[in-house]
Amino acid sequence: MGQSKYYAEFKYGTGADRHTYQIYKDKLTYGAAKAYATSLTGDQTKSYLVSPGSSAENDAVYNKTTEFITPGPDANYVWTGGDYDGANWKYYYNGSTIDDGGANYTNWNQLAYDAWFLTQDAAQKYMAMGLQYDAVTGKEWYPKQDSSYHYVVETVNGYEKQYKDINTIGYGRSKDIISDYSTSAYKDGVRINASELTNFDHYTDWTFKAARNKKKLKKFAKRDLDFVYYQKKGDLYYNENGSSKGWGSGGAFARFDDEPRLTSDQLSVYAYLGEVV
């Protein structure tokens, strides 16, 4: 079903090589980030920590990541899919080598790689991309010990989740009328593009409640909730002003003609960052 994490998404490539990339602001250890990436499809060769194979792809990942995550002292690396197996640096999803000076594309920070090479520190066996901050050079790769960093997931074309995307453009003036939603047709639920919503600046998560009646709807409008669903009318609301009275500049932005039952497990919230060809 849906994802409880707030994330950003962009697409890169063309044809069969057009992949989907999801950027996450929460921080996980390398193993936890790898496991989460795999969980999106159940197959680590179809969804995996981002593994750039060219300068253009590496640039796209860096540029879109820093569009969503502002580099700083607590945001200076993102996990990628490279790790050291005791003999070579490799991408775990397909086993291709990424040692410095090898035949495949690499973008190691030379000072960091050379320092690792001299010591062969067994703890520094995971690869992270630097975000431009202080002494960390943007776009370049660093050998790192296990720690908690942001992460980017890459999904192969044809294995993306099946969402019913809600159009939020023009919200507040009109509603996206949804007449074809069902959990059988869209097994991963409903997805909201929060990049169009005023003042939606959540870091990693979001909140939702379903109102059974008008009294509950009014009550929830005064609570610090992001999204409220009024099943009697099939209306989905964005609460822009938190616990203040009313919806602020938000309000109902989508209507489900069939008035289905919606739960938080059926919702995903993301920011769409476009396509890079």
Protein backbone atom coordinates (compact mmCIF):
# COMPACT_ATOMS: atom_id res chain seq x y z
CA MET A 1 0.00 0.00 0.00
CA GLY A 2 1.07 3.61 0.50
CA GLN A 3 4.29 4.99 1.97
CA SER A 4 4.15 6.70 5.36
CA LYS A 5 7.34 8.63 4.56
CA TYR A 6 7.30 11.97 2.78
CA TYR A 7 9.70 11.86 -0.16
CA ALA A 8 10.61 13.56 -3.44
CA GLU A 9 10.60 11.84 -6.82
CA PHE A 10 12.11 12.44 -10.23
CA LYS A 11 12.68 10.38 -13.35
CA TYR A 12 15.85 10.06 -15.38
CA GLY A 13 16.61 8.38 -18.70
CA THR A 14 14.62 7.31 -21.75
CA GLY A 15 12.85 4.15 -22.92
CA ALA A 16 13.66 1.02 -20.94
CA ASP A 17 16.41 2.95 -19.12
CA ARG A 18 13.97 5.51 -17.71
CA HIS A 19 14.25 4.92 -13.97
CA THR A 20 12.41 6.43 -11.02
CA TYR A 21 14.38 7.99 -8.14
CA GLN A 22 12.99 8.70 -4.68
CA ILE A 23 14.81 10.96 -2.22
CA TYR A 24 14.18 10.49 1.50
CA LYS A 25 14.87 13.06 4.20
CA ASP A 26 14.76 10.64 7.11
CA LYS A 27 18.10 9.12 8.08
CA LEU A 28 18.86 5.41 8.18
CA THR A 29 21.91 3.22 8.56
CA TYR A 30 23.23 1.70 5.34
CA GLY A 31 21.66 -1.68 6.07
CA ALA A 32 18.28 -0.19 6.96
CA ALA A 33 18.29 2.04 3.87
CA LYS A 34 19.19 -0.93 1.68
CA ALA A 35 16.40 -3.00 3.22
CA TYR A 36 13.86 -0.22 2.71
CA ALA A 37 14.88 0.17 -0.92
CA THR A 38 14.41 -3.56 -1.50
CA SER A 39 11.02 -3.51 0.25
CA LEU A 40 9.51 -1.23 -2.41
CA THR A 41 9.49 -4.09 -4.94
CA GLY A 42 10.67 -7.10 -2.95
CA ASP A 43 13.66 -7.49 -5.30
CA GLN A 44 17.03 -5.76 -4.71
CA THR A 45 17.77 -5.87 -8.45
CA LYS A 46 14.63 -3.82 -9.21
CA SER A 47 14.68 -1.24 -6.39
CA TYR A 48 17.99 -0.40 -4.75
CA LEU A 49 20.08 2.41 -3.33
CA VAL A 50 20.97 4.75 -6.19
CA SER A 51 23.86 3.48 -8.31
CA PRO A 52 24.98 6.10 -10.87
CA GLY A 53 26.46 4.64 -14.04
CA SER A 54 27.42 7.88 -15.79
CA SER A 55 28.41 11.47 -15.10
CA ALA A 56 25.02 12.68 -16.37
CA GLU A 57 23.12 10.36 -14.03
CA ASN A 58 25.36 11.29 -11.11
CA ASP A 59 24.72 15.00 -11.80
CA ALA A 60 20.96 14.43 -12.01
CA VAL A 61 20.93 12.61 -8.66
CA TYR A 62 22.97 15.33 -6.96
CA ASN A 63 21.03 18.24 -8.45
CA LYS A 64 17.61 16.82 -7.59
CA THR A 65 18.73 15.68 -4.14
CA THR A 66 19.97 19.16 -3.23
CA GLU A 67 16.74 20.63 -4.62
CA PHE A 68 14.90 18.67 -1.92
CA ILE A 69 17.52 18.49 0.85
CA THR A 70 19.48 21.61 1.79
CA PRO A 71 23.12 20.65 2.46
CA GLY A 72 24.34 21.46 5.95
CA PRO A 73 26.21 20.09 8.96
CA ASP A 74 23.47 17.48 9.50
CA ALA A 75 22.81 16.89 5.81
CA ASN A 76 26.11 16.33 4.06
CA TYR A 77 25.80 12.79 2.67
CA VAL A 78 23.28 10.43 1.08
CA TRP A 79 23.69 6.67 0.88
CA THR A 80 24.28 5.09 -2.51
CA GLY A 81 24.35 1.43 -3.53
CA GLY A 82 28.13 0.91 -3.43
CA ASP A 83 29.92 -1.20 -0.85
CA TYR A 84 33.28 -2.95 -0.41
CA ASP A 85 33.22 -6.75 -0.32
CA GLY A 86 36.81 -7.21 0.88
CA ALA A 87 38.26 -7.27 -2.61
CA ASN A 88 36.43 -4.65 -4.69
CA TRP A 89 34.02 -1.77 -4.46
CA LYS A 90 30.81 -2.91 -6.15
CA TYR A 91 27.20 -1.95 -6.71
CA TYR A 92 25.31 -4.55 -4.72
CA TYR A 93 22.33 -4.70 -7.09
CA ASN A 94 24.32 -6.08 -10.05
CA GLY A 95 27.89 -6.71 -8.82
CA SER A 96 29.57 -4.24 -11.20
CA THR A 97 32.90 -2.96 -9.86
CA ILE A 98 33.42 0.71 -9.06
CA ASP A 99 37.03 0.74 -7.89
CA ASP A 100 38.92 3.95 -8.57
CA GLY A 101 40.75 3.66 -11.90
CA GLY A 102 38.62 0.78 -13.13
CA ALA A 103 36.78 0.51 -16.44
CA ASN A 104 33.39 1.62 -15.11
CA TYR A 105 32.28 5.18 -14.31
CA THR A 106 33.33 6.44 -10.87
CA ASN A 107 33.39 9.80 -9.13
CA TRP A 108 35.35 9.20 -5.95
CA ASN A 109 36.67 12.06 -3.87
CA GLN A 110 40.35 11.40 -4.50
CA LEU A 111 41.63 12.45 -1.09
CA ALA A 112 39.05 10.35 0.75
CA TYR A 113 39.58 7.32 -1.50
CA ASP A 114 43.37 7.50 -1.25
CA ALA A 115 43.17 7.78 2.54
CA TRP A 116 40.94 4.71 2.65
CA PHE A 117 43.22 2.83 0.25
CA LEU A 118 46.24 3.38 2.49
CA THR A 119 44.54 1.94 5.57
CA GLN A 120 41.99 -0.44 3.98
CA ASP A 121 39.80 0.39 6.97
CA ALA A 122 37.34 -2.51 7.17
CA ALA A 123 34.73 -0.28 8.79
CA GLN A 124 34.73 2.14 5.86
CA LYS A 125 32.94 -0.20 3.49
CA TYR A 126 29.89 1.82 2.40
CA MET A 127 29.68 4.48 -0.30
CA ALA A 128 27.93 7.81 0.18
CA MET A 129 27.56 10.78 -2.14
CA GLY A 130 28.69 14.09 -0.70
CA LEU A 131 26.41 17.10 -0.56
CA GLN A 132 28.22 20.39 -0.96
CA TYR A 133 28.94 21.60 2.57
CA ASP A 134 32.14 22.75 4.30
CA ALA A 135 34.92 20.28 3.36
CA VAL A 136 32.52 17.82 1.72
CA THR A 137 32.56 18.10 -2.07
CA GLY A 138 29.21 17.80 -3.83
CA LYS A 139 28.57 14.94 -6.29
CA GLU A 140 31.72 13.06 -5.22
CA TRP A 141 31.72 9.65 -3.55
CA TYR A 142 33.17 8.88 -0.11
CA PRO A 143 34.03 5.62 1.72
CA LYS A 144 32.10 5.81 4.97
CA GLN A 145 31.62 3.86 8.16
CA ASP A 146 28.05 2.85 8.90
CA SER A 147 26.05 5.82 10.14
CA SER A 148 22.63 7.37 9.63
CA TYR A 149 22.31 9.40 6.43
CA HIS A 150 19.65 10.46 3.98
CA TYR A 151 19.24 8.08 1.05
CA VAL A 152 18.06 7.83 -2.56
CA VAL A 153 16.26 4.81 -4.02
CA GLU A 154 16.37 3.90 -7.71
CA THR A 155 13.61 1.77 -9.26
CA VAL A 156 13.81 0.04 -12.63
CA ASN A 157 11.29 0.98 -15.32
CA GLY A 158 8.12 -1.11 -15.05
CA TYR A 159 8.46 -1.86 -11.34
CA GLU A 160 7.14 1.42 -9.92
CA LYS A 161 4.27 1.33 -7.47
CA GLN A 162 0.76 1.69 -8.88
CA TYR A 163 -0.80 4.84 -7.42
CA LYS A 164 -3.82 6.93 -8.28
CA ASP A 165 -2.15 10.34 -8.48
CA ILE A 166 -4.22 13.30 -7.31
CA ASN A 167 -3.86 16.54 -9.23
CA THR A 168 -3.31 19.36 -6.72
CA ILE A 169 -2.69 22.11 -9.30
CA GLY A 170 -5.28 24.83 -8.74
CA TYR A 171 -6.37 23.43 -5.38
CA GLY A 172 -8.57 25.82 -3.41
CA ARG A 173 -10.26 26.93 -6.66
CA SER A 174 -11.26 23.53 -8.00
CA LYS A 175 -11.28 19.87 -7.03
CA ASP A 176 -9.75 16.93 -8.83
CA ILE A 177 -12.76 14.70 -9.50
CA ILE A 178 -11.80 11.05 -9.12
CA SER A 179 -14.21 8.53 -10.60
CA ASP A 180 -11.99 5.51 -11.21
CA TYR A 181 -10.33 4.78 -7.88
CA SER A 182 -10.43 1.32 -6.37
CA THR A 183 -7.88 -0.68 -4.40
CA SER A 184 -7.98 -3.40 -7.04
CA ALA A 185 -7.09 -0.97 -9.86
CA TYR A 186 -4.54 0.98 -7.79
CA LYS A 187 -3.11 -1.54 -5.36
CA ASP A 188 -0.71 0.98 -3.80
CA GLY A 189 -3.42 3.54 -3.05
CA VAL A 190 -3.69 7.28 -3.56
CA ARG A 191 -0.76 9.67 -3.91
CA ILE A 192 -0.76 13.42 -3.21
CA ASN A 193 1.78 15.77 -4.80
CA ALA A 194 2.46 18.11 -1.88
CA SER A 195 4.84 20.33 -3.87
CA GLU A 196 1.74 22.23 -5.08
CA LEU A 197 0.37 22.75 -1.56
CA THR A 198 1.09 26.06 0.20
CA ASN A 199 3.24 25.78 3.34
CA PHE A 200 3.59 22.02 3.23
CA ASP A 201 7.11 21.89 4.65
CA HIS A 202 7.12 18.61 6.53
CA TYR A 203 10.44 16.95 7.04
CA THR A 204 9.69 13.26 6.91
CA ASP A 205 6.06 12.46 7.71
CA TRP A 206 2.47 13.68 7.57
CA THR A 207 -0.85 13.19 9.40
CA PHE A 208 -4.31 12.08 8.30
CA LYS A 209 -7.76 11.47 9.78
CA ALA A 210 -11.07 10.33 8.28
CA ALA A 211 -14.20 12.15 9.51
CA ARG A 212 -17.37 10.09 9.82
CA ASN A 213 -19.69 13.09 10.09
CA LYS A 214 -19.75 16.89 9.78
CA LYS A 215 -19.15 17.38 13.50
CA LYS A 216 -15.90 15.39 13.24
CA LEU A 217 -14.94 17.31 10.09
CA LYS A 218 -15.20 20.64 11.92
CA LYS A 219 -13.32 19.22 14.90
CA PHE A 220 -10.47 17.93 12.72
CA ALA A 221 -10.23 21.32 10.97
CA LYS A 222 -9.05 22.75 14.31
CA ARG A 223 -6.44 20.06 14.90
CA ASP A 224 -2.87 19.95 13.68
CA LEU A 225 -3.60 17.51 10.88
CA ASP A 226 -2.36 17.72 7.30
CA PHE A 227 -5.12 15.83 5.49
CA VAL A 228 -8.73 15.09 6.42
CA TYR A 229 -11.13 12.91 4.46
CA TYR A 230 -14.91 13.38 4.70
CA GLN A 231 -16.28 10.08 3.45
CA LYS A 232 -19.94 11.19 3.33
CA LYS A 233 -19.07 13.58 0.48
CA GLY A 234 -15.91 11.87 -0.75
CA ASP A 235 -13.92 15.08 -0.16
CA LEU A 236 -10.21 15.14 0.72
CA TYR A 237 -9.04 18.31 2.52
CA TYR A 238 -5.65 19.92 3.00
CA ASN A 239 -5.34 21.73 6.35
CA GLU A 240 -2.83 24.51 5.62
CA ASN A 241 -3.02 26.33 8.97
CA GLY A 242 -2.62 23.43 11.39
CA SER A 243 -4.55 23.80 14.65
CA SER A 244 -6.00 27.22 13.78
CA LYS A 245 -9.68 27.42 12.91
CA GLY A 246 -10.65 26.35 9.41
CA TRP A 247 -8.40 25.19 6.58
CA GLY A 248 -6.34 28.34 5.99
CA SER A 249 -5.48 28.58 2.30
CA GLY A 250 -6.21 24.87 1.99
CA GLY A 251 -9.59 23.17 1.79
CA ALA A 252 -11.06 20.36 -0.27
CA PHE A 253 -8.82 19.61 -3.25
CA ALA A 254 -10.17 16.22 -4.39
CA ARG A 255 -13.52 14.46 -4.53
CA PHE A 256 -14.00 10.72 -4.88
CA ASP A 257 -17.27 10.10 -6.73
CA ASP A 258 -17.71 6.65 -5.19
CA GLU A 259 -17.01 7.93 -1.65
CA PRO A 260 -14.67 5.04 -0.79
CA ARG A 261 -13.34 4.34 2.66
CA LEU A 262 -9.82 5.83 2.93
CA THR A 263 -7.21 5.09 5.59
CA SER A 264 -3.69 6.40 6.11
CA ASP A 265 -2.38 3.08 4.78
CA GLN A 266 -3.83 3.98 1.38
CA LEU A 267 -2.13 7.38 1.18
CA SER A 268 1.32 8.48 0.03
CA VAL A 269 2.54 12.08 0.03
CA TYR A 270 5.46 13.23 -2.10
CA ALA A 271 7.01 16.14 -4.00
CA TYR A 272 7.37 15.63 -7.75
CA LEU A 273 10.62 17.13 -9.07
CA GLY A 274 10.08 16.41 -12.76
CA GLU A 275 12.07 14.51 -15.39
CA VAL A 276 15.70 14.67 -16.44
CA VAL A 277 16.36 13.28 -19.91
